[in-house]
Amino acid sequence: MGKILTFGEIIMRLSPPGNRTMKQSHEMEFFFGGTELNVASSLATMGCDVRHISSVSDDFVGESALSFVKSFGIDTNFISKNEHPLGLYFLEVGSAVRASRIAYNRLNGSFANIEAEKIDWKKALEDCTYFHWTGISPGISEAAYEALKKGLQTAREMGIEITTDPAYRSNLWKYGKKGNEILKELVSYSTIFIGGTNEINEILGTQFSSDQNGFLEACEELKKQCPSIHKIFDKIRIGVTASSQQTQGRALVNGNYFETELLEVNPVVDRIGTGDAFAAGLIYGLQNFDDKKALNFANAACAIKHTILGDINYSSAEDILEVMGGNSGGRIKR
């Protein structure tokens, strides 16, 4: 297997310990993460060869973030530094009927000020078979958008498989570009779409329903408008409460629809990064299994991440395969 390249922000998460609110806490726990980095770290934990492109602050915080990325064995040679602070966000972890809450501080951070013209994309994509991106990155700044667009163009020229989780966030996109138009443009360079009816509706401005028929109609419209897309995989999460979730995967590949069984997670330890765990599981699965098994592996990876504190799925491929095989009783391994 060749390298997997990811592009995106490295961000710090600050949370009151346990399930406390900010108002009642006098201390914070911190974790490093970021949507694409979560995918990269999970893939590296499963044994994949991963390279990440980003930009961090030129201070001890950025150096700590860089050390964290290196601890997974991820290639950091294309991570630059600049004088802007590392992006961060605050998270109150909900419980039962109380939802989690997030506040971001990232729009003038080091990644938002990445120097697009200094990235040698041909060299960065050398020996890569997959390039993964999400809709978070182009929403942060025009510089990040320009860098990503050049990377996607180069990857297409090199015949590299491009996976995308479009992840539209309306609270980003503060620099004068329309998010849905940019995402449609960038998705048009991609080959594998990780998303469902909601994401397709946001990008195309359509109103397909979220049931199976609506999903299939949405997929066909996406392939019509973005013909480079040849596989579509969707993660479904059913929130019973903040502490109880169900996950399921479905897909349309070569005209064939298939789906996984529902997996239930109760109690939930941490919901952050579960979609990233799905994406990482899917990429790993596509490199090692057929499409159906890859989807089941992705769904199991998503489910098990709900039980892990922090942004990143630290589960090995063997851990995920056990859950995928039905071993979800949680018995102690001796």
Protein backbone atom coordinates (compact mmCIF):
# COMPACT_ATOMS: atom_id res chain seq x y z
CA MET A 1 0.00 0.00 0.00
CA GLY A 2 1.16 3.51 -0.80
CA LYS A 3 1.09 6.53 1.47
CA ILE A 4 -2.10 8.32 2.47
CA LEU A 5 -1.93 12.12 2.42
CA THR A 6 -4.17 14.29 4.59
CA PHE A 7 -4.46 18.08 4.59
CA GLY A 8 -5.97 20.14 7.37
CA GLU A 9 -5.72 22.10 10.59
CA ILE A 10 -4.09 20.87 13.77
CA ILE A 11 -6.25 22.34 16.51
CA MET A 12 -6.25 22.27 20.32
CA ARG A 13 -9.37 21.24 22.20
CA LEU A 14 -9.99 22.58 25.71
CA SER A 15 -12.62 20.92 27.90
CA PRO A 16 -13.67 21.02 31.53
CA PRO A 17 -12.97 17.59 33.07
CA GLY A 18 -15.76 15.05 33.15
CA ASN A 19 -19.15 16.37 32.15
CA ARG A 20 -18.77 19.74 33.86
CA THR A 21 -19.86 23.01 32.32
CA MET A 22 -17.43 25.91 31.89
CA LYS A 23 -19.22 27.85 34.63
CA GLN A 24 -18.60 25.22 37.27
CA SER A 25 -15.01 24.31 36.37
CA HIS A 26 -11.69 25.94 37.28
CA GLU A 27 -9.48 23.68 35.19
CA MET A 28 -9.33 22.43 31.60
CA GLU A 29 -8.06 19.31 29.86
CA PHE A 30 -6.51 19.76 26.44
CA PHE A 31 -6.23 17.46 23.44
CA PHE A 32 -4.73 17.97 19.99
CA GLY A 33 -6.86 17.02 17.03
CA GLY A 34 -8.45 18.38 13.90
CA THR A 35 -10.76 16.65 11.45
CA GLU A 36 -8.14 15.53 8.94
CA LEU A 37 -5.49 14.92 11.60
CA ASN A 38 -7.94 12.65 13.40
CA VAL A 39 -8.20 10.61 10.21
CA ALA A 40 -4.41 10.58 9.75
CA SER A 41 -3.75 9.53 13.36
CA SER A 42 -6.34 6.75 13.24
CA LEU A 43 -4.89 5.40 9.98
CA ALA A 44 -1.38 5.52 11.41
CA THR A 45 -2.57 3.64 14.51
CA MET A 46 -3.92 0.95 12.20
CA GLY A 47 -0.50 0.63 10.59
CA CYS A 48 -0.86 2.81 7.50
CA ASP A 49 1.88 5.05 6.10
CA VAL A 50 0.53 8.59 6.48
CA ARG A 51 1.74 12.09 5.61
CA HIS A 52 0.02 15.26 6.85
CA ILE A 53 0.14 18.82 5.48
CA SER A 54 -0.66 21.72 7.79
CA SER A 55 0.77 24.81 9.47
CA VAL A 56 1.27 25.34 13.21
CA SER A 57 2.33 28.23 15.44
CA ASP A 58 6.04 28.97 15.73
CA ASP A 59 6.12 28.64 19.53
CA PHE A 60 6.11 25.97 22.22
CA VAL A 61 2.40 25.26 21.60
CA GLY A 62 3.02 24.55 17.92
CA GLU A 63 6.08 22.48 18.82
CA SER A 64 3.98 20.43 21.24
CA ALA A 65 1.37 19.87 18.54
CA LEU A 66 4.09 18.78 16.14
CA SER A 67 5.50 16.34 18.68
CA PHE A 68 2.03 14.91 19.16
CA VAL A 69 1.63 14.29 15.41
CA LYS A 70 5.09 12.72 15.21
CA SER A 71 4.21 10.33 18.05
CA PHE A 72 1.93 8.44 15.65
CA GLY A 73 4.73 8.00 13.12
CA ILE A 74 3.06 10.47 10.73
CA ASP A 75 5.35 12.17 8.20
CA THR A 76 5.46 15.85 9.25
CA ASN A 77 7.95 17.12 6.66
CA PHE A 78 5.27 19.23 4.98
CA ILE A 79 3.97 20.89 8.15
CA SER A 80 5.14 24.51 8.22
CA LYS A 81 5.25 27.12 10.99
CA ASN A 82 4.20 30.77 11.14
CA GLU A 83 3.77 33.54 13.69
CA HIS A 84 0.00 33.08 14.15
CA PRO A 85 -1.39 31.18 17.16
CA LEU A 86 -2.56 27.60 16.96
CA GLY A 87 -6.31 27.35 16.43
CA LEU A 88 -8.36 26.07 19.35
CA TYR A 89 -11.89 25.25 20.43
CA PHE A 90 -13.76 24.85 23.69
CA LEU A 91 -16.02 21.86 24.34
CA GLU A 92 -18.54 21.24 27.08
CA VAL A 93 -19.28 17.51 27.02
CA GLY A 94 -23.01 16.86 27.39
CA SER A 95 -24.71 13.95 29.10
CA ALA A 96 -28.13 12.31 28.80
CA VAL A 97 -30.58 15.08 27.78
CA ARG A 98 -27.95 17.89 27.93
CA ALA A 99 -26.26 18.41 24.56
CA SER A 100 -22.55 19.09 24.11
CA ARG A 101 -21.55 22.66 23.14
CA ILE A 102 -18.58 23.92 21.09
CA ALA A 103 -17.07 27.38 20.58
CA TYR A 104 -14.26 27.83 17.99
CA ASN A 105 -11.32 30.24 17.85
CA ARG A 106 -9.59 29.34 14.60
CA LEU A 107 -10.25 31.92 11.86
CA ASN A 108 -6.98 33.82 12.42
CA GLY A 109 -4.87 30.85 13.47
CA SER A 110 -1.72 29.39 12.00
CA PHE A 111 -3.54 27.09 9.57
CA ALA A 112 -5.79 29.92 8.34
CA ASN A 113 -2.57 31.70 7.40
CA ILE A 114 -0.91 28.78 5.64
CA GLU A 115 1.32 29.88 2.74
CA ALA A 116 -0.24 28.00 -0.14
CA GLU A 117 2.47 28.87 -2.67
CA LYS A 118 5.17 27.18 -0.58
CA ILE A 119 3.63 23.70 -0.68
CA ASP A 120 5.35 21.37 -3.15
CA TRP A 121 2.32 19.22 -3.94
CA LYS A 122 4.06 16.92 -6.42
CA LYS A 123 6.66 16.02 -3.84
CA ALA A 124 4.06 15.75 -1.07
CA LEU A 125 1.92 13.39 -3.17
CA GLU A 126 4.86 11.25 -4.20
CA ASP A 127 4.20 7.54 -3.51
CA CYS A 128 0.65 8.34 -2.31
CA THR A 129 -2.36 6.28 -3.35
CA TYR A 130 -5.00 8.23 -1.39
CA PHE A 131 -5.50 11.92 -0.62
CA HIS A 132 -8.14 12.79 2.00
CA TRP A 133 -9.69 16.22 2.61
CA THR A 134 -12.79 17.66 4.26
CA GLY A 135 -14.96 20.74 3.82
CA ILE A 136 -13.62 22.20 7.07
CA SER A 137 -10.30 23.26 5.52
CA PRO A 138 -11.50 25.46 2.63
CA GLY A 139 -13.99 27.13 4.97
CA ILE A 140 -11.30 28.40 7.34
CA SER A 141 -9.58 30.82 4.95
CA GLU A 142 -8.98 31.66 1.32
CA ALA A 143 -5.33 30.63 1.74
CA ALA A 144 -6.40 27.16 2.88
CA TYR A 145 -8.85 26.94 -0.03
CA GLU A 146 -6.19 27.89 -2.58
CA ALA A 147 -3.72 25.41 -1.10
CA LEU A 148 -6.27 22.59 -1.14
CA LYS A 149 -7.44 23.33 -4.68
CA LYS A 150 -3.87 23.13 -5.99
CA GLY A 151 -3.38 19.86 -4.12
CA LEU A 152 -6.52 18.35 -5.60
CA GLN A 153 -5.60 19.41 -9.12
CA THR A 154 -2.16 17.85 -8.71
CA ALA A 155 -3.60 14.63 -7.23
CA ARG A 156 -6.00 14.27 -10.16
CA GLU A 157 -3.16 14.73 -12.63
CA MET A 158 -1.24 12.01 -10.80
CA GLY A 159 -4.19 9.59 -10.81
CA ILE A 160 -4.50 9.43 -7.02
CA GLU A 161 -7.73 8.33 -5.34
CA ILE A 162 -9.28 11.35 -3.60
CA THR A 163 -11.64 10.86 -0.66
CA THR A 164 -13.76 13.71 0.66
CA ASP A 165 -15.98 14.31 3.64
CA PRO A 166 -17.54 17.66 2.60
CA ALA A 167 -18.50 18.61 6.20
CA TYR A 168 -20.17 21.96 5.52
CA ARG A 169 -20.01 24.32 8.52
CA SER A 170 -21.99 27.53 8.06
CA ASN A 171 -20.16 29.31 10.92
CA LEU A 172 -16.97 29.19 8.84
CA TRP A 173 -16.77 30.80 5.38
CA LYS A 174 -16.11 34.37 6.55
CA TYR A 175 -13.91 35.48 3.64
CA GLY A 176 -16.50 36.22 0.96
CA LYS A 177 -16.82 32.83 -0.74
CA LYS A 178 -20.04 30.80 -0.85
CA GLY A 179 -19.39 27.50 0.88
CA ASN A 180 -21.68 25.34 -1.23
CA GLU A 181 -20.21 26.63 -4.50
CA ILE A 182 -16.62 26.07 -3.37
CA LEU A 183 -17.40 22.61 -2.00
CA LYS A 184 -19.07 21.59 -5.25
CA GLU A 185 -16.00 22.77 -7.15
CA LEU A 186 -13.62 20.81 -4.90
CA VAL A 187 -15.83 17.69 -4.77
CA SER A 188 -15.65 17.69 -8.58
CA TYR A 189 -11.95 16.82 -8.27
CA SER A 190 -12.67 13.93 -5.89
CA THR A 191 -13.42 10.28 -6.56
CA ILE A 192 -14.91 8.88 -3.31
CA PHE A 193 -17.62 10.80 -1.44
CA ILE A 194 -18.12 10.24 2.29
CA GLY A 195 -21.50 11.72 3.09
CA GLY A 196 -25.22 11.35 2.62
CA THR A 197 -28.36 13.17 1.62
CA ASN A 198 -27.80 16.15 3.93
CA GLU A 199 -24.31 16.80 2.58
CA ILE A 200 -25.44 16.41 -1.03
CA ASN A 201 -28.38 18.77 -0.47
CA GLU A 202 -26.07 21.38 1.05
CA ILE A 203 -23.62 21.21 -1.86
CA LEU A 204 -26.09 20.99 -4.74
CA GLY A 205 -28.95 23.04 -3.26
CA THR A 206 -31.33 20.10 -3.64
CA GLN A 207 -34.01 18.80 -1.27
CA PHE A 208 -33.80 15.03 -1.37
CA SER A 209 -35.26 13.11 1.56
CA SER A 210 -33.02 11.17 3.94
CA ASP A 211 -34.72 7.80 3.48
CA GLN A 212 -33.23 5.12 1.24
CA ASN A 213 -34.97 6.29 -1.94
CA GLY A 214 -33.94 9.88 -1.27
CA PHE A 215 -30.38 8.79 -0.63
CA LEU A 216 -30.24 6.89 -3.93
CA GLU A 217 -31.74 9.83 -5.86
CA ALA A 218 -29.27 12.21 -4.20
CA CYS A 219 -26.35 9.96 -5.09
CA GLU A 220 -27.37 9.80 -8.73
CA GLU A 221 -27.68 13.58 -8.90
CA LEU A 222 -24.26 14.01 -7.27
CA LYS A 223 -22.66 11.64 -9.79
CA LYS A 224 -24.41 13.51 -12.61
CA GLN A 225 -23.06 16.89 -11.50
CA CYS A 226 -19.69 15.59 -10.26
CA PRO A 227 -18.93 12.68 -12.62
CA SER A 228 -15.52 11.92 -11.09
CA ILE A 229 -17.31 10.49 -8.02
CA HIS A 230 -17.61 6.72 -8.41
CA LYS A 231 -18.25 5.54 -4.82
CA ILE A 232 -20.49 7.08 -2.16
CA PHE A 233 -20.43 6.00 1.49
CA ASP A 234 -22.69 7.45 4.18
CA LYS A 235 -22.56 7.33 7.97
CA ILE A 236 -25.90 7.42 9.77
CA ARG A 237 -25.94 8.30 13.46
CA ILE A 238 -29.12 8.08 15.50
CA GLY A 239 -28.93 10.06 18.71
CA VAL A 240 -31.16 8.56 21.41
CA THR A 241 -29.60 10.91 24.00
CA ALA A 242 -26.17 12.53 24.35
CA SER A 243 -25.14 9.35 26.20
CA SER A 244 -26.69 6.80 23.82
CA GLN A 245 -26.02 6.60 20.08
CA GLN A 246 -26.60 4.17 17.23
CA THR A 247 -24.46 4.04 14.09
CA GLN A 248 -25.02 2.56 10.65
CA GLY A 249 -23.35 2.78 7.24
CA ARG A 250 -24.85 2.70 3.75
CA ALA A 251 -23.36 3.00 0.29
CA LEU A 252 -23.94 3.17 -3.44
CA VAL A 253 -21.15 1.63 -5.52
CA ASN A 254 -21.47 0.73 -9.22
CA GLY A 255 -25.25 0.98 -9.00
CA ASN A 256 -25.40 -1.40 -6.02
CA TYR A 257 -26.87 -0.30 -2.69
CA PHE A 258 -25.81 -1.96 0.55
CA GLU A 259 -25.90 -1.11 4.24
CA THR A 260 -24.59 -2.34 7.59
CA GLU A 261 -26.42 -3.41 10.71
CA LEU A 262 -27.05 -0.88 13.46
CA LEU A 263 -24.43 -0.73 16.22
CA GLU A 264 -25.49 0.67 19.59
CA VAL A 265 -23.14 2.57 21.92
CA ASN A 266 -24.32 3.19 25.48
CA PRO A 267 -22.89 4.95 27.38
CA VAL A 268 -21.07 7.33 25.05
CA VAL A 269 -17.70 8.55 26.35
CA ASP A 270 -16.90 11.09 23.60
CA ARG A 271 -18.71 11.88 20.33
CA ILE A 272 -15.98 14.12 18.91
CA GLY A 273 -14.06 12.53 16.03
CA THR A 274 -16.51 9.70 15.40
CA GLY A 275 -17.10 10.78 11.80
CA ASP A 276 -13.34 10.99 11.32
CA ALA A 277 -13.02 7.47 12.70
CA PHE A 278 -15.59 6.37 10.09
CA ALA A 279 -13.59 8.02 7.30
CA ALA A 280 -10.31 6.48 8.48
CA GLY A 281 -11.94 3.07 8.82
CA LEU A 282 -13.34 3.38 5.30
CA ILE A 283 -9.98 4.33 3.76
CA TYR A 284 -8.27 1.47 5.59
CA GLY A 285 -11.06 -0.87 4.52
CA LEU A 286 -10.88 0.14 0.86
CA GLN A 287 -7.16 -0.62 0.88
CA ASN A 288 -7.62 -4.04 2.48
CA PHE A 289 -11.14 -5.37 1.82
CA ASP A 290 -13.99 -5.29 -0.67
CA ASP A 291 -16.43 -2.37 -0.57
CA LYS A 292 -19.02 -4.06 1.66
CA LYS A 293 -16.48 -5.17 4.24
CA ALA A 294 -14.85 -1.73 4.09
CA LEU A 295 -18.22 -0.14 5.00
CA ASN A 296 -18.73 -2.55 7.90
CA PHE A 297 -15.21 -1.84 9.12
CA ALA A 298 -15.87 1.92 8.94
CA ASN A 299 -19.09 1.59 10.92
CA ALA A 300 -17.34 -0.47 13.61
CA ALA A 301 -14.54 2.12 13.78
CA CYS A 302 -17.14 4.87 14.23
CA ALA A 303 -18.90 2.95 17.00
CA ILE A 304 -15.75 2.13 18.96
CA LYS A 305 -14.56 5.77 18.81
CA HIS A 306 -17.61 6.75 20.88
CA THR A 307 -15.93 4.91 23.78
CA ILE A 308 -12.57 6.76 23.58
CA LEU A 309 -11.85 10.12 25.22
CA GLY A 310 -10.39 12.84 22.99
CA ASP A 311 -10.56 13.56 19.28
CA ILE A 312 -8.68 10.51 17.96
CA ASN A 313 -9.58 6.84 17.57
CA TYR A 314 -6.72 4.93 19.19
CA SER A 315 -8.15 1.53 18.22
CA SER A 316 -6.05 -0.91 16.25
CA ALA A 317 -7.38 -2.68 13.17
CA GLU A 318 -7.68 -5.84 15.28
CA ASP A 319 -9.83 -4.00 17.87
CA ILE A 320 -12.15 -2.76 15.15
CA LEU A 321 -12.39 -6.17 13.48
CA GLU A 322 -13.50 -7.68 16.79
CA VAL A 323 -16.35 -5.19 17.10
CA MET A 324 -17.20 -5.71 13.45
CA GLY A 325 -17.34 -9.47 14.09
CA GLY A 326 -19.89 -9.03 16.86
CA ASN A 327 -17.57 -9.12 19.87
CA SER A 328 -19.05 -6.06 21.58
CA GLY A 329 -19.68 -7.48 25.04
CA GLY A 330 -16.74 -5.63 26.55
CA ARG A 331 -15.23 -8.61 28.36
CA ILE A 332 -11.77 -8.06 29.84
CA LYS A 333 -8.92 -9.33 27.67
CA ARG A 334 -6.40 -11.28 29.74
